[in-house]
Amino acid sequence: MMIEKSRRIRPRQGSTTRRSSVSNIIEQLNFFIMNEVLLKPTYKEDVYAVNDIFSHGGRLVLGCSGLGGVWGDVVEQESVDCILYALENGIKTLDTAPSYNQSEIFVGKALKEWKGPKPFVSSKVGRLPAQAADDCIVDYSSESMRSSLARTLDRLQIDALDLVFLHEPHLVPLNEYDRITDDLLRFKQEGMVKMIGVGGNPTAGFRKALNQKNVFDVVSGFLGLDACNLNALKDDIPLLSQHKIAYYAASGLHMGLLGSRFKQHVQNPPNNEWITNRDVANAVKVNQIAQEIGMPLADLAMKYIFSMQQADRVVIGARTKEQTISLCNIWKQGGLSEDIFNRITDTLIGG
């Protein structure tokens, strides 16, 4: 069964388009804090220690969507060189997908050139090939998922995936959940994949299904465990911990809010399902800490996730060689001191 989303998946615009001042945003944040209590993330001293659920690879995952061209044109050899540079400089885990434009092809070419230890590689099924990030067509039929997985293995030039994610759980027809998960388990039994994951934030219905059937080893959530948003600690992390399911924390810079788009989003907050006023207010406060300690906001944000116990793995993407080099350098520096980690956490939860 194929579900075609003819619309592009774009952030929904908020009801207001006027500019909000930083002070107004922070006032809204204080209101949110008074009406909601979040669990505290746990400080992780050894940021390089990996959950033993994983057979190999490292804790930092190079997200390869941007290198594949979903955010704009890229040059093939430059993308391949970025992947090789990451592997040469301490990144031992790669994540790609059929919907990341040419990403799987570029990762496959890099893997063919790579002479070092085998990295941990994940890809996805369910969402079909696309040119741009917001083009979304999904097909969870048995035939489509099997052919997609076979095509992925061919593109990557490998015999089996270390991890396959069921992509876009919010679009998965829950009335077919048993058949879909049976297919995934069959892929594992046949040796096409070694682990099974959920590629995206689970919906309430999907969480309920998770409780009923033991299938998944990993959930890759996004925008819910970073330096401006800890919402994954409310519903997802407690449930996953109960079932011993590991968590990939993706989109660590919150779609650029904690990086290159900080000023843009502060001046004109999107206030949509991806970047809320609360997220922007949190980013403003965390940026104040970054300025106090003399560290770029993006570096501080990445180090914060590195230092979080609940993030079994951290997925951060790069699109250029410069970004790849910067990511590797930050990773080599390690995490934050416990004092700075706690300051950020207290800021986010109003401690």
C-alpha atoms as a PDB file:
ATOM      1  CA  MET A   1       0.000   0.000   0.000  1.00  0.00           C
ATOM      2  CA  MET A   2       1.461   3.295  -1.093  1.00  0.00           C
ATOM      3  CA  ILE A   3       0.530   6.566   0.560  1.00  0.00           C
ATOM      4  CA  GLU A   4       1.462   9.571  -1.512  1.00  0.00           C
ATOM      5  CA  LYS A   5       1.695  12.862   0.251  1.00  0.00           C
ATOM      6  CA  SER A   6       1.247  15.231  -2.654  1.00  0.00           C
ATOM      7  CA  ARG A   7       1.799  18.102  -0.299  1.00  0.00           C
ATOM      8  CA  ARG A   8       5.351  18.779   0.734  1.00  0.00           C
ATOM      9  CA  ILE A   9       6.068  18.232   4.385  1.00  0.00           C
ATOM     10  CA  ARG A  10       6.734  21.746   5.489  1.00  0.00           C
ATOM     11  CA  PRO A  11       6.470  23.314   8.917  1.00  0.00           C
ATOM     12  CA  ARG A  12       3.004  24.629   9.634  1.00  0.00           C
ATOM     13  CA  GLN A  13       3.022  28.349  10.120  1.00  0.00           C
ATOM     14  CA  GLY A  14       1.892  29.713  13.434  1.00  0.00           C
ATOM     15  CA  SER A  15      -1.125  31.927  13.830  1.00  0.00           C
ATOM     16  CA  THR A  16       1.005  35.030  14.240  1.00  0.00           C
ATOM     17  CA  THR A  17       3.508  36.426  11.789  1.00  0.00           C
ATOM     18  CA  ARG A  18       4.579  39.527  13.638  1.00  0.00           C
ATOM     19  CA  ARG A  19       8.022  39.712  15.111  1.00  0.00           C
ATOM     20  CA  SER A  20       8.356  38.741  18.760  1.00  0.00           C
ATOM     21  CA  SER A  21      10.906  40.373  20.972  1.00  0.00           C
ATOM     22  CA  VAL A  22      13.316  38.259  22.984  1.00  0.00           C
ATOM     23  CA  SER A  23      11.712  39.465  26.212  1.00  0.00           C
ATOM     24  CA  ASN A  24       8.245  38.378  25.089  1.00  0.00           C
ATOM     25  CA  ILE A  25       9.536  34.971  24.108  1.00  0.00           C
ATOM     26  CA  ILE A  26      11.240  34.483  27.469  1.00  0.00           C
ATOM     27  CA  GLU A  27       8.031  35.480  29.258  1.00  0.00           C
ATOM     28  CA  GLN A  28       6.233  32.744  27.346  1.00  0.00           C
ATOM     29  CA  LEU A  29       8.954  30.287  28.334  1.00  0.00           C
ATOM     30  CA  ASN A  30       8.480  31.100  32.011  1.00  0.00           C
ATOM     31  CA  PHE A  31       4.764  30.390  31.608  1.00  0.00           C
ATOM     32  CA  PHE A  32       5.516  27.002  30.044  1.00  0.00           C
ATOM     33  CA  ILE A  33       7.912  26.114  32.856  1.00  0.00           C
ATOM     34  CA  MET A  34       5.326  26.931  35.528  1.00  0.00           C
ATOM     35  CA  ASN A  35       2.837  24.569  33.893  1.00  0.00           C
ATOM     36  CA  GLU A  36       5.024  21.596  33.022  1.00  0.00           C
ATOM     37  CA  VAL A  37       7.658  19.513  34.774  1.00  0.00           C
ATOM     38  CA  LEU A  38      10.302  17.646  32.792  1.00  0.00           C
ATOM     39  CA  LEU A  39      12.556  14.842  33.919  1.00  0.00           C
ATOM     40  CA  LYS A  40      16.191  15.792  34.184  1.00  0.00           C
ATOM     41  CA  PRO A  41      18.718  14.314  31.765  1.00  0.00           C
ATOM     42  CA  THR A  42      21.656  12.505  33.351  1.00  0.00           C
ATOM     43  CA  TYR A  43      25.243  13.703  32.997  1.00  0.00           C
ATOM     44  CA  LYS A  44      27.534  11.344  31.057  1.00  0.00           C
ATOM     45  CA  GLU A  45      31.190  11.773  31.967  1.00  0.00           C
ATOM     46  CA  ASP A  46      32.639   9.437  29.330  1.00  0.00           C
ATOM     47  CA  VAL A  47      31.052  10.726  26.130  1.00  0.00           C
ATOM     48  CA  TYR A  48      32.759   8.071  24.013  1.00  0.00           C
ATOM     49  CA  ALA A  49      31.276   5.077  25.878  1.00  0.00           C
ATOM     50  CA  VAL A  50      28.771   3.254  23.653  1.00  0.00           C
ATOM     51  CA  ASN A  51      25.700   1.301  24.746  1.00  0.00           C
ATOM     52  CA  ASP A  52      26.660  -2.363  24.501  1.00  0.00           C
ATOM     53  CA  ILE A  53      23.499  -3.093  22.507  1.00  0.00           C
ATOM     54  CA  PHE A  54      25.567  -2.050  19.469  1.00  0.00           C
ATOM     55  CA  SER A  55      28.055  -4.541  18.048  1.00  0.00           C
ATOM     56  CA  HIS A  56      30.502  -1.882  16.873  1.00  0.00           C
ATOM     57  CA  GLY A  57      30.755   1.721  15.770  1.00  0.00           C
ATOM     58  CA  GLY A  58      30.905   4.903  17.775  1.00  0.00           C
ATOM     59  CA  ARG A  59      28.444   7.066  19.661  1.00  0.00           C
ATOM     60  CA  LEU A  60      28.537   9.996  17.227  1.00  0.00           C
ATOM     61  CA  VAL A  61      26.646   9.300  13.990  1.00  0.00           C
ATOM     62  CA  LEU A  62      27.355  11.213  10.804  1.00  0.00           C
ATOM     63  CA  GLY A  63      23.938  12.009   9.338  1.00  0.00           C
ATOM     64  CA  CYS A  64      24.366  11.846   5.568  1.00  0.00           C
ATOM     65  CA  SER A  65      21.173  13.501   4.302  1.00  0.00           C
ATOM     66  CA  GLY A  66      22.805  16.839   3.522  1.00  0.00           C
ATOM     67  CA  LEU A  67      25.754  15.142   1.851  1.00  0.00           C
ATOM     68  CA  GLY A  68      23.269  13.406  -0.434  1.00  0.00           C
ATOM     69  CA  GLY A  69      21.823  16.681  -1.690  1.00  0.00           C
ATOM     70  CA  VAL A  70      18.424  16.944  -0.008  1.00  0.00           C
ATOM     71  CA  TRP A  71      19.149  20.493   1.161  1.00  0.00           C
ATOM     72  CA  GLY A  72      20.650  21.659  -2.136  1.00  0.00           C
ATOM     73  CA  ASP A  73      23.134  20.729  -4.808  1.00  0.00           C
ATOM     74  CA  VAL A  74      26.288  18.917  -3.771  1.00  0.00           C
ATOM     75  CA  VAL A  75      29.346  17.623  -5.645  1.00  0.00           C
ATOM     76  CA  GLU A  76      29.656  13.856  -5.517  1.00  0.00           C
ATOM     77  CA  GLN A  77      33.389  13.610  -4.837  1.00  0.00           C
ATOM     78  CA  GLU A  78      33.214  16.301  -2.161  1.00  0.00           C
ATOM     79  CA  SER A  79      30.480  14.358  -0.352  1.00  0.00           C
ATOM     80  CA  VAL A  80      32.446  11.112  -0.622  1.00  0.00           C
ATOM     81  CA  ASP A  81      35.546  12.914   0.697  1.00  0.00           C
ATOM     82  CA  CYS A  82      33.546  14.265   3.654  1.00  0.00           C
ATOM     83  CA  ILE A  83      32.439  10.754   4.614  1.00  0.00           C
ATOM     84  CA  LEU A  84      36.014   9.465   4.315  1.00  0.00           C
ATOM     85  CA  TYR A  85      37.314  12.392   6.390  1.00  0.00           C
ATOM     86  CA  ALA A  86      34.785  11.618   9.110  1.00  0.00           C
ATOM     87  CA  LEU A  87      35.820   7.954   9.162  1.00  0.00           C
ATOM     88  CA  GLU A  88      39.483   8.963   9.351  1.00  0.00           C
ATOM     89  CA  ASN A  89      38.801  11.316  12.264  1.00  0.00           C
ATOM     90  CA  GLY A  90      36.898   9.316  14.827  1.00  0.00           C
ATOM     91  CA  ILE A  91      33.351   8.993  13.476  1.00  0.00           C
ATOM     92  CA  LYS A  92      32.559   5.296  13.213  1.00  0.00           C
ATOM     93  CA  THR A  93      28.818   5.318  12.511  1.00  0.00           C
ATOM     94  CA  LEU A  94      26.912   6.478   9.415  1.00  0.00           C
ATOM     95  CA  ASP A  95      23.195   7.015   8.796  1.00  0.00           C
ATOM     96  CA  THR A  96      21.562   7.323   5.404  1.00  0.00           C
ATOM     97  CA  ALA A  97      18.210   6.628   3.687  1.00  0.00           C
ATOM     98  CA  PRO A  98      16.693   6.094   0.235  1.00  0.00           C
ATOM     99  CA  SER A  99      14.917   9.454   0.592  1.00  0.00           C
ATOM    100  CA  TYR A 100      18.201  11.331   1.092  1.00  0.00           C
ATOM    101  CA  ASN A 101      18.641  11.896  -2.660  1.00  0.00           C
ATOM    102  CA  GLN A 102      22.067  10.432  -3.652  1.00  0.00           C
ATOM    103  CA  SER A 103      23.206   9.755  -0.083  1.00  0.00           C
ATOM    104  CA  GLU A 104      23.223   5.950  -0.250  1.00  0.00           C
ATOM    105  CA  ILE A 105      25.253   5.991  -3.453  1.00  0.00           C
ATOM    106  CA  PHE A 106      27.834   8.363  -1.980  1.00  0.00           C
ATOM    107  CA  VAL A 107      28.075   6.379   1.258  1.00  0.00           C
ATOM    108  CA  GLY A 108      28.559   3.210  -0.793  1.00  0.00           C
ATOM    109  CA  LYS A 109      31.406   4.762  -2.766  1.00  0.00           C
ATOM    110  CA  ALA A 110      33.064   5.943   0.444  1.00  0.00           C
ATOM    111  CA  LEU A 111      32.735   2.491   1.992  1.00  0.00           C
ATOM    112  CA  LYS A 112      34.348   0.942  -1.070  1.00  0.00           C
ATOM    113  CA  GLU A 113      37.344   3.274  -0.714  1.00  0.00           C
ATOM    114  CA  TRP A 114      37.608   2.966   3.063  1.00  0.00           C
ATOM    115  CA  LYS A 115      40.375   0.611   4.244  1.00  0.00           C
ATOM    116  CA  GLY A 116      39.915   0.980   8.002  1.00  0.00           C
ATOM    117  CA  PRO A 117      37.650  -0.797  10.509  1.00  0.00           C
ATOM    118  CA  LYS A 118      34.137  -1.386   9.244  1.00  0.00           C
ATOM    119  CA  PRO A 119      31.784   1.407  10.367  1.00  0.00           C
ATOM    120  CA  PHE A 120      28.272   0.828  11.721  1.00  0.00           C
ATOM    121  CA  VAL A 121      25.825   1.686   8.926  1.00  0.00           C
ATOM    122  CA  SER A 122      22.083   2.312   9.111  1.00  0.00           C
ATOM    123  CA  SER A 123      19.491   3.112   6.466  1.00  0.00           C
ATOM    124  CA  LYS A 124      15.704   3.073   6.248  1.00  0.00           C
ATOM    125  CA  VAL A 125      12.648   1.531   4.607  1.00  0.00           C
ATOM    126  CA  GLY A 126       9.128   2.868   4.103  1.00  0.00           C
ATOM    127  CA  ARG A 127       9.860   6.290   2.653  1.00  0.00           C
ATOM    128  CA  LEU A 128      10.687   6.177  -1.049  1.00  0.00           C
ATOM    129  CA  PRO A 129      13.518   7.904  -2.944  1.00  0.00           C
ATOM    130  CA  ALA A 130      13.218  11.681  -3.192  1.00  0.00           C
ATOM    131  CA  GLN A 131      15.204  14.639  -4.426  1.00  0.00           C
ATOM    132  CA  ALA A 132      14.385  17.115  -1.653  1.00  0.00           C
ATOM    133  CA  ALA A 133      13.937  16.836   2.098  1.00  0.00           C
ATOM    134  CA  ASP A 134      10.284  17.826   2.065  1.00  0.00           C
ATOM    135  CA  ASP A 135       9.180  15.441  -0.713  1.00  0.00           C
ATOM    136  CA  CYS A 136       7.519  12.489   0.978  1.00  0.00           C
ATOM    137  CA  ILE A 137       6.027   9.368  -0.551  1.00  0.00           C
ATOM    138  CA  VAL A 138       5.769   6.299   1.664  1.00  0.00           C
ATOM    139  CA  ASP A 139       5.018   2.684   0.861  1.00  0.00           C
ATOM    140  CA  TYR A 140       4.965   0.093   3.647  1.00  0.00           C
ATOM    141  CA  SER A 141       3.872  -2.842   1.508  1.00  0.00           C
ATOM    142  CA  SER A 142       5.906  -6.036   1.850  1.00  0.00           C
ATOM    143  CA  GLU A 143       7.052  -5.870  -1.772  1.00  0.00           C
ATOM    144  CA  SER A 144       8.107  -2.240  -1.601  1.00  0.00           C
ATOM    145  CA  MET A 145      10.047  -2.567   1.655  1.00  0.00           C
ATOM    146  CA  ARG A 146      11.870  -5.683   0.422  1.00  0.00           C
ATOM    147  CA  SER A 147      12.814  -4.136  -2.924  1.00  0.00           C
ATOM    148  CA  SER A 148      13.844  -0.901  -1.182  1.00  0.00           C
ATOM    149  CA  LEU A 149      16.100  -2.788   1.202  1.00  0.00           C
ATOM    150  CA  ALA A 150      17.656  -4.810  -1.636  1.00  0.00           C
ATOM    151  CA  ARG A 151      18.322  -1.573  -3.541  1.00  0.00           C
ATOM    152  CA  THR A 152      19.895  -0.031  -0.440  1.00  0.00           C
ATOM    153  CA  LEU A 153      22.276  -2.969   0.012  1.00  0.00           C
ATOM    154  CA  ASP A 154      23.225  -2.721  -3.653  1.00  0.00           C
ATOM    155  CA  ARG A 155      23.859   1.015  -3.429  1.00  0.00           C
ATOM    156  CA  LEU A 156      25.897   0.662  -0.251  1.00  0.00           C
ATOM    157  CA  GLN A 157      27.754  -2.326  -1.710  1.00  0.00           C
ATOM    158  CA  ILE A 158      27.318  -4.358   1.486  1.00  0.00           C
ATOM    159  CA  ASP A 159      25.707  -7.695   2.347  1.00  0.00           C
ATOM    160  CA  ALA A 160      23.667  -6.546   5.357  1.00  0.00           C
ATOM    161  CA  LEU A 161      22.685  -3.380   7.183  1.00  0.00           C
ATOM    162  CA  ASP A 162      23.755  -3.067  10.794  1.00  0.00           C
ATOM    163  CA  LEU A 163      20.454  -1.297  11.449  1.00  0.00           C
ATOM    164  CA  VAL A 164      17.346  -0.616   9.381  1.00  0.00           C
ATOM    165  CA  PHE A 165      14.877   2.050  10.497  1.00  0.00           C
ATOM    166  CA  LEU A 166      11.162   1.986   9.739  1.00  0.00           C
ATOM    167  CA  HIS A 167      10.947   5.526   8.397  1.00  0.00           C
ATOM    168  CA  GLU A 168       8.248   8.076   9.328  1.00  0.00           C
ATOM    169  CA  PRO A 169       6.330   6.245  12.084  1.00  0.00           C
ATOM    170  CA  HIS A 170       3.625   8.927  12.077  1.00  0.00           C
ATOM    171  CA  LEU A 171       2.644   7.723   8.583  1.00  0.00           C
ATOM    172  CA  VAL A 172       2.699   3.994   9.366  1.00  0.00           C
ATOM    173  CA  PRO A 173      -0.842   2.518   9.130  1.00  0.00           C
ATOM    174  CA  LEU A 174      -1.273   1.059  12.598  1.00  0.00           C
ATOM    175  CA  ASN A 175      -3.898  -1.398  11.378  1.00  0.00           C
ATOM    176  CA  GLU A 176      -1.032  -3.038   9.445  1.00  0.00           C
ATOM    177  CA  TYR A 177       1.504  -2.780  12.257  1.00  0.00           C
ATOM    178  CA  ASP A 178       1.726  -6.548  12.831  1.00  0.00           C
ATOM    179  CA  ARG A 179       2.267  -7.330   9.156  1.00  0.00           C
ATOM    180  CA  ILE A 180       4.843  -4.553   8.766  1.00  0.00           C
ATOM    181  CA  THR A 181       6.821  -5.589  11.836  1.00  0.00           C
ATOM    182  CA  ASP A 182       6.644  -9.234  10.770  1.00  0.00           C
ATOM    183  CA  ASP A 183       8.252  -8.177   7.490  1.00  0.00           C
ATOM    184  CA  LEU A 184      11.026  -6.385   9.365  1.00  0.00           C
ATOM    185  CA  LEU A 185      11.643  -9.422  11.544  1.00  0.00           C
ATOM    186  CA  ARG A 186      11.776 -11.571   8.422  1.00  0.00           C
ATOM    187  CA  PHE A 187      14.457  -9.297   6.930  1.00  0.00           C
ATOM    188  CA  LYS A 188      16.435  -9.815  10.125  1.00  0.00           C
ATOM    189  CA  GLN A 189      15.966 -13.586  10.068  1.00  0.00           C
ATOM    190  CA  GLU A 190      17.151 -13.675   6.455  1.00  0.00           C
ATOM    191  CA  GLY A 191      20.327 -11.777   7.357  1.00  0.00           C
ATOM    192  CA  MET A 192      19.524  -8.619   5.404  1.00  0.00           C
ATOM    193  CA  VAL A 193      19.616  -6.524   8.593  1.00  0.00           C
ATOM    194  CA  LYS A 194      21.042  -7.034  12.056  1.00  0.00           C
ATOM    195  CA  MET A 195      18.957  -4.584  14.083  1.00  0.00           C
ATOM    196  CA  ILE A 196      15.564  -2.921  13.641  1.00  0.00           C
ATOM    197  CA  GLY A 197      14.697   0.649  14.561  1.00  0.00           C
ATOM    198  CA  VAL A 198      12.068   3.374  14.314  1.00  0.00           C
ATOM    199  CA  GLY A 199      13.171   6.316  12.191  1.00  0.00           C
ATOM    200  CA  GLY A 200      11.289   9.272  13.602  1.00  0.00           C
ATOM    201  CA  ASN A 201       9.287  10.372  16.622  1.00  0.00           C
ATOM    202  CA  PRO A 202       6.705   7.751  17.655  1.00  0.00           C
ATOM    203  CA  THR A 203       3.101   8.884  17.831  1.00  0.00           C
ATOM    204  CA  ALA A 204       0.893   8.006  20.792  1.00  0.00           C
ATOM    205  CA  GLY A 205      -0.571   5.122  18.809  1.00  0.00           C
ATOM    206  CA  PHE A 206       2.844   3.877  17.814  1.00  0.00           C
ATOM    207  CA  ARG A 207       4.008   3.992  21.446  1.00  0.00           C
ATOM    208  CA  LYS A 208       1.033   1.827  22.380  1.00  0.00           C
ATOM    209  CA  ALA A 209       2.020  -0.666  19.687  1.00  0.00           C
ATOM    210  CA  LEU A 210       5.595  -0.672  20.984  1.00  0.00           C
ATOM    211  CA  ASN A 211       4.245  -1.871  24.302  1.00  0.00           C
ATOM    212  CA  GLN A 212       2.510  -4.830  22.691  1.00  0.00           C
ATOM    213  CA  LYS A 213       5.222  -6.346  20.509  1.00  0.00           C
ATOM    214  CA  ASN A 214       8.967  -6.654  21.048  1.00  0.00           C
ATOM    215  CA  VAL A 215      10.466  -5.764  17.664  1.00  0.00           C
ATOM    216  CA  PHE A 216      12.596  -2.657  17.848  1.00  0.00           C
ATOM    217  CA  ASP A 217      16.128  -2.200  19.139  1.00  0.00           C
ATOM    218  CA  VAL A 218      16.448   1.539  18.533  1.00  0.00           C
ATOM    219  CA  VAL A 219      14.345   4.684  18.113  1.00  0.00           C
ATOM    220  CA  SER A 220      15.813   7.664  16.284  1.00  0.00           C
ATOM    221  CA  GLY A 221      13.957  10.727  17.547  1.00  0.00           C
ATOM    222  CA  PHE A 222      14.500  14.309  16.485  1.00  0.00           C
ATOM    223  CA  LEU A 223      13.978  17.759  17.981  1.00  0.00           C
ATOM    224  CA  GLY A 224      13.207  16.280  21.393  1.00  0.00           C
ATOM    225  CA  LEU A 225      16.568  15.892  23.098  1.00  0.00           C
ATOM    226  CA  ASP A 226      18.830  18.875  22.572  1.00  0.00           C
ATOM    227  CA  ALA A 227      19.886  22.178  24.074  1.00  0.00           C
ATOM    228  CA  CYS A 228      16.497  23.842  23.540  1.00  0.00           C
ATOM    229  CA  ASN A 229      14.033  20.974  23.861  1.00  0.00           C
ATOM    230  CA  LEU A 230      13.849  17.981  26.234  1.00  0.00           C
ATOM    231  CA  ASN A 231      10.373  16.732  25.350  1.00  0.00           C
ATOM    232  CA  ALA A 232      11.613  13.217  24.630  1.00  0.00           C
ATOM    233  CA  LEU A 233      12.148  12.840  28.367  1.00  0.00           C
ATOM    234  CA  LYS A 234       8.387  13.057  28.961  1.00  0.00           C
ATOM    235  CA  ASP A 235       7.064  10.145  26.933  1.00  0.00           C
ATOM    236  CA  ASP A 236       9.624   8.471  24.690  1.00  0.00           C
ATOM    237  CA  ILE A 237      12.679   7.973  26.906  1.00  0.00           C
ATOM    238  CA  PRO A 238      10.813   6.412  29.883  1.00  0.00           C
ATOM    239  CA  LEU A 239       8.993   3.973  27.573  1.00  0.00           C
ATOM    240  CA  LEU A 240      12.134   3.062  25.638  1.00  0.00           C
ATOM    241  CA  SER A 241      14.126   2.549  28.811  1.00  0.00           C
ATOM    242  CA  GLN A 242      11.433   0.202  30.078  1.00  0.00           C
ATOM    243  CA  HIS A 243      11.812  -1.937  26.935  1.00  0.00           C
ATOM    244  CA  LYS A 244      15.619  -1.586  26.739  1.00  0.00           C
ATOM    245  CA  ILE A 245      15.352   0.250  23.419  1.00  0.00           C
ATOM    246  CA  ALA A 246      18.274   2.548  22.614  1.00  0.00           C
ATOM    247  CA  TYR A 247      17.769   6.176  21.555  1.00  0.00           C
ATOM    248  CA  TYR A 248      19.405   8.046  18.674  1.00  0.00           C
ATOM    249  CA  ALA A 249      19.182  11.804  19.347  1.00  0.00           C
ATOM    250  CA  ALA A 250      18.932  13.376  15.891  1.00  0.00           C
ATOM    251  CA  SER A 251      18.870  16.957  14.606  1.00  0.00           C
ATOM    252  CA  GLY A 252      21.113  18.084  17.457  1.00  0.00           C
ATOM    253  CA  LEU A 253      21.151  21.728  16.337  1.00  0.00           C
ATOM    254  CA  HIS A 254      17.340  21.799  16.144  1.00  0.00           C
ATOM    255  CA  MET A 255      17.088  22.605  12.434  1.00  0.00           C
ATOM    256  CA  GLY A 256      19.679  25.360  12.736  1.00  0.00           C
ATOM    257  CA  LEU A 257      18.053  27.167  15.680  1.00  0.00           C
ATOM    258  CA  LEU A 258      21.120  26.301  17.779  1.00  0.00           C
ATOM    259  CA  GLY A 259      23.470  27.111  14.930  1.00  0.00           C
ATOM    260  CA  SER A 260      23.456  29.063  11.695  1.00  0.00           C
ATOM    261  CA  ARG A 261      19.787  30.128  11.868  1.00  0.00           C
ATOM    262  CA  PHE A 262      19.798  31.371  15.471  1.00  0.00           C
ATOM    263  CA  LYS A 263      19.586  35.096  14.693  1.00  0.00           C
ATOM    264  CA  GLN A 264      17.004  34.546  11.963  1.00  0.00           C
ATOM    265  CA  HIS A 265      14.692  32.544  14.228  1.00  0.00           C
ATOM    266  CA  VAL A 266      15.091  34.902  17.183  1.00  0.00           C
ATOM    267  CA  GLN A 267      14.149  37.880  15.030  1.00  0.00           C
ATOM    268  CA  ASN A 268      11.232  36.069  13.417  1.00  0.00           C
ATOM    269  CA  PRO A 269      10.232  32.973  15.413  1.00  0.00           C
ATOM    270  CA  PRO A 270       8.559  30.334  13.190  1.00  0.00           C
ATOM    271  CA  ASN A 271       6.314  29.086  16.030  1.00  0.00           C
ATOM    272  CA  ASN A 272       5.370  25.919  14.185  1.00  0.00           C
ATOM    273  CA  GLU A 273       5.399  22.198  14.926  1.00  0.00           C
ATOM    274  CA  TRP A 274       9.178  22.028  14.478  1.00  0.00           C
ATOM    275  CA  ILE A 275      10.419  25.225  16.134  1.00  0.00           C
ATOM    276  CA  THR A 276       8.136  26.664  18.789  1.00  0.00           C
ATOM    277  CA  ASN A 277       8.373  29.930  20.686  1.00  0.00           C
ATOM    278  CA  ARG A 278       9.460  27.888  23.668  1.00  0.00           C
ATOM    279  CA  ASP A 279      12.339  26.392  21.674  1.00  0.00           C
ATOM    280  CA  VAL A 280      13.459  29.858  20.590  1.00  0.00           C
ATOM    281  CA  ALA A 281      13.245  31.195  24.149  1.00  0.00           C
ATOM    282  CA  ASN A 282      15.325  28.287  25.412  1.00  0.00           C
ATOM    283  CA  ALA A 283      17.891  28.860  22.665  1.00  0.00           C
ATOM    284  CA  VAL A 284      18.167  32.520  23.685  1.00  0.00           C
ATOM    285  CA  LYS A 285      18.867  31.577  27.295  1.00  0.00           C
ATOM    286  CA  VAL A 286      21.372  28.873  26.358  1.00  0.00           C
ATOM    287  CA  ASN A 287      23.104  31.334  24.049  1.00  0.00           C
ATOM    288  CA  GLN A 288      23.607  33.604  27.043  1.00  0.00           C
ATOM    289  CA  ILE A 289      25.499  30.751  28.739  1.00  0.00           C
ATOM    290  CA  ALA A 290      27.534  30.231  25.561  1.00  0.00           C
ATOM    291  CA  GLN A 291      28.494  33.891  25.517  1.00  0.00           C
ATOM    292  CA  GLU A 292      29.435  33.843  29.203  1.00  0.00           C
ATOM    293  CA  ILE A 293      31.861  30.937  28.742  1.00  0.00           C
ATOM    294  CA  GLY A 294      33.149  32.118  25.359  1.00  0.00           C
ATOM    295  CA  MET A 295      31.924  29.160  23.293  1.00  0.00           C
ATOM    296  CA  PRO A 296      29.937  29.261  20.035  1.00  0.00           C
ATOM    297  CA  LEU A 297      26.307  28.267  20.577  1.00  0.00           C
ATOM    298  CA  ALA A 298      26.517  25.381  18.095  1.00  0.00           C
ATOM    299  CA  ASP A 299      29.575  23.925  19.849  1.00  0.00           C
ATOM    300  CA  LEU A 300      27.887  24.214  23.237  1.00  0.00           C
ATOM    301  CA  ALA A 301      24.715  22.582  21.912  1.00  0.00           C
ATOM    302  CA  MET A 302      26.589  19.626  20.467  1.00  0.00           C
ATOM    303  CA  LYS A 303      28.676  19.130  23.582  1.00  0.00           C
ATOM    304  CA  TYR A 304      25.508  19.217  25.675  1.00  0.00           C
ATOM    305  CA  ILE A 305      24.032  16.257  23.797  1.00  0.00           C
ATOM    306  CA  PHE A 306      27.379  14.449  23.894  1.00  0.00           C
ATOM    307  CA  SER A 307      27.233  14.790  27.673  1.00  0.00           C
ATOM    308  CA  MET A 308      23.723  13.356  28.004  1.00  0.00           C
ATOM    309  CA  GLN A 309      23.342   9.765  29.212  1.00  0.00           C
ATOM    310  CA  GLN A 310      19.918   9.351  27.594  1.00  0.00           C
ATOM    311  CA  ALA A 311      21.389   9.910  24.117  1.00  0.00           C
ATOM    312  CA  ASP A 312      22.743   6.453  23.315  1.00  0.00           C
ATOM    313  CA  ARG A 313      23.902   7.840  20.007  1.00  0.00           C
ATOM    314  CA  VAL A 314      23.940  11.387  18.651  1.00  0.00           C
ATOM    315  CA  VAL A 315      23.166  12.074  14.986  1.00  0.00           C
ATOM    316  CA  ILE A 316      24.590  15.275  13.534  1.00  0.00           C
ATOM    317  CA  GLY A 317      24.656  16.016   9.845  1.00  0.00           C
ATOM    318  CA  ALA A 318      27.115  17.888   7.678  1.00  0.00           C
ATOM    319  CA  ARG A 319      26.848  19.167   4.134  1.00  0.00           C
ATOM    320  CA  THR A 320      30.308  20.589   3.445  1.00  0.00           C
ATOM    321  CA  LYS A 321      33.920  19.702   4.170  1.00  0.00           C
ATOM    322  CA  GLU A 322      34.158  22.675   6.516  1.00  0.00           C
ATOM    323  CA  GLN A 323      31.179  21.452   8.538  1.00  0.00           C
ATOM    324  CA  THR A 324      32.581  17.912   8.617  1.00  0.00           C
ATOM    325  CA  ILE A 325      35.957  19.108   9.890  1.00  0.00           C
ATOM    326  CA  SER A 326      34.266  21.261  12.541  1.00  0.00           C
ATOM    327  CA  LEU A 327      32.099  18.353  13.711  1.00  0.00           C
ATOM    328  CA  CYS A 328      35.117  16.043  14.016  1.00  0.00           C
ATOM    329  CA  ASN A 329      37.067  18.661  15.962  1.00  0.00           C
ATOM    330  CA  ILE A 330      34.229  19.239  18.423  1.00  0.00           C
ATOM    331  CA  TRP A 331      33.845  15.498  18.925  1.00  0.00           C
ATOM    332  CA  LYS A 332      37.547  15.159  19.696  1.00  0.00           C
ATOM    333  CA  GLN A 333      37.209  17.880  22.358  1.00  0.00           C
ATOM    334  CA  GLY A 334      34.678  15.789  24.287  1.00  0.00           C
ATOM    335  CA  GLY A 335      31.748  16.932  26.367  1.00  0.00           C
ATOM    336  CA  LEU A 336      30.980  19.631  28.911  1.00  0.00           C
ATOM    337  CA  SER A 337      31.894  19.930  32.534  1.00  0.00           C
ATOM    338  CA  GLU A 338      29.136  18.718  34.830  1.00  0.00           C
ATOM    339  CA  ASP A 339      28.642  22.261  36.104  1.00  0.00           C
ATOM    340  CA  ILE A 340      27.947  23.704  32.630  1.00  0.00           C
ATOM    341  CA  PHE A 341      25.782  20.696  31.745  1.00  0.00           C
ATOM    342  CA  ASN A 342      23.657  21.283  34.854  1.00  0.00           C
ATOM    343  CA  ARG A 343      23.379  25.012  34.141  1.00  0.00           C
ATOM    344  CA  ILE A 344      21.918  24.291  30.710  1.00  0.00           C
ATOM    345  CA  THR A 345      19.611  21.602  32.084  1.00  0.00           C
ATOM    346  CA  ASP A 346      18.332  23.882  34.842  1.00  0.00           C
ATOM    347  CA  THR A 347      17.725  26.595  32.264  1.00  0.00           C
ATOM    348  CA  LEU A 348      15.657  24.245  30.117  1.00  0.00           C
ATOM    349  CA  ILE A 349      13.514  22.854  32.891  1.00  0.00           C
ATOM    350  CA  GLY A 350      13.427  25.923  35.098  1.00  0.00           C
ATOM    351  CA  GLY A 351      15.411  24.273  37.895  1.00  0.00           C
END
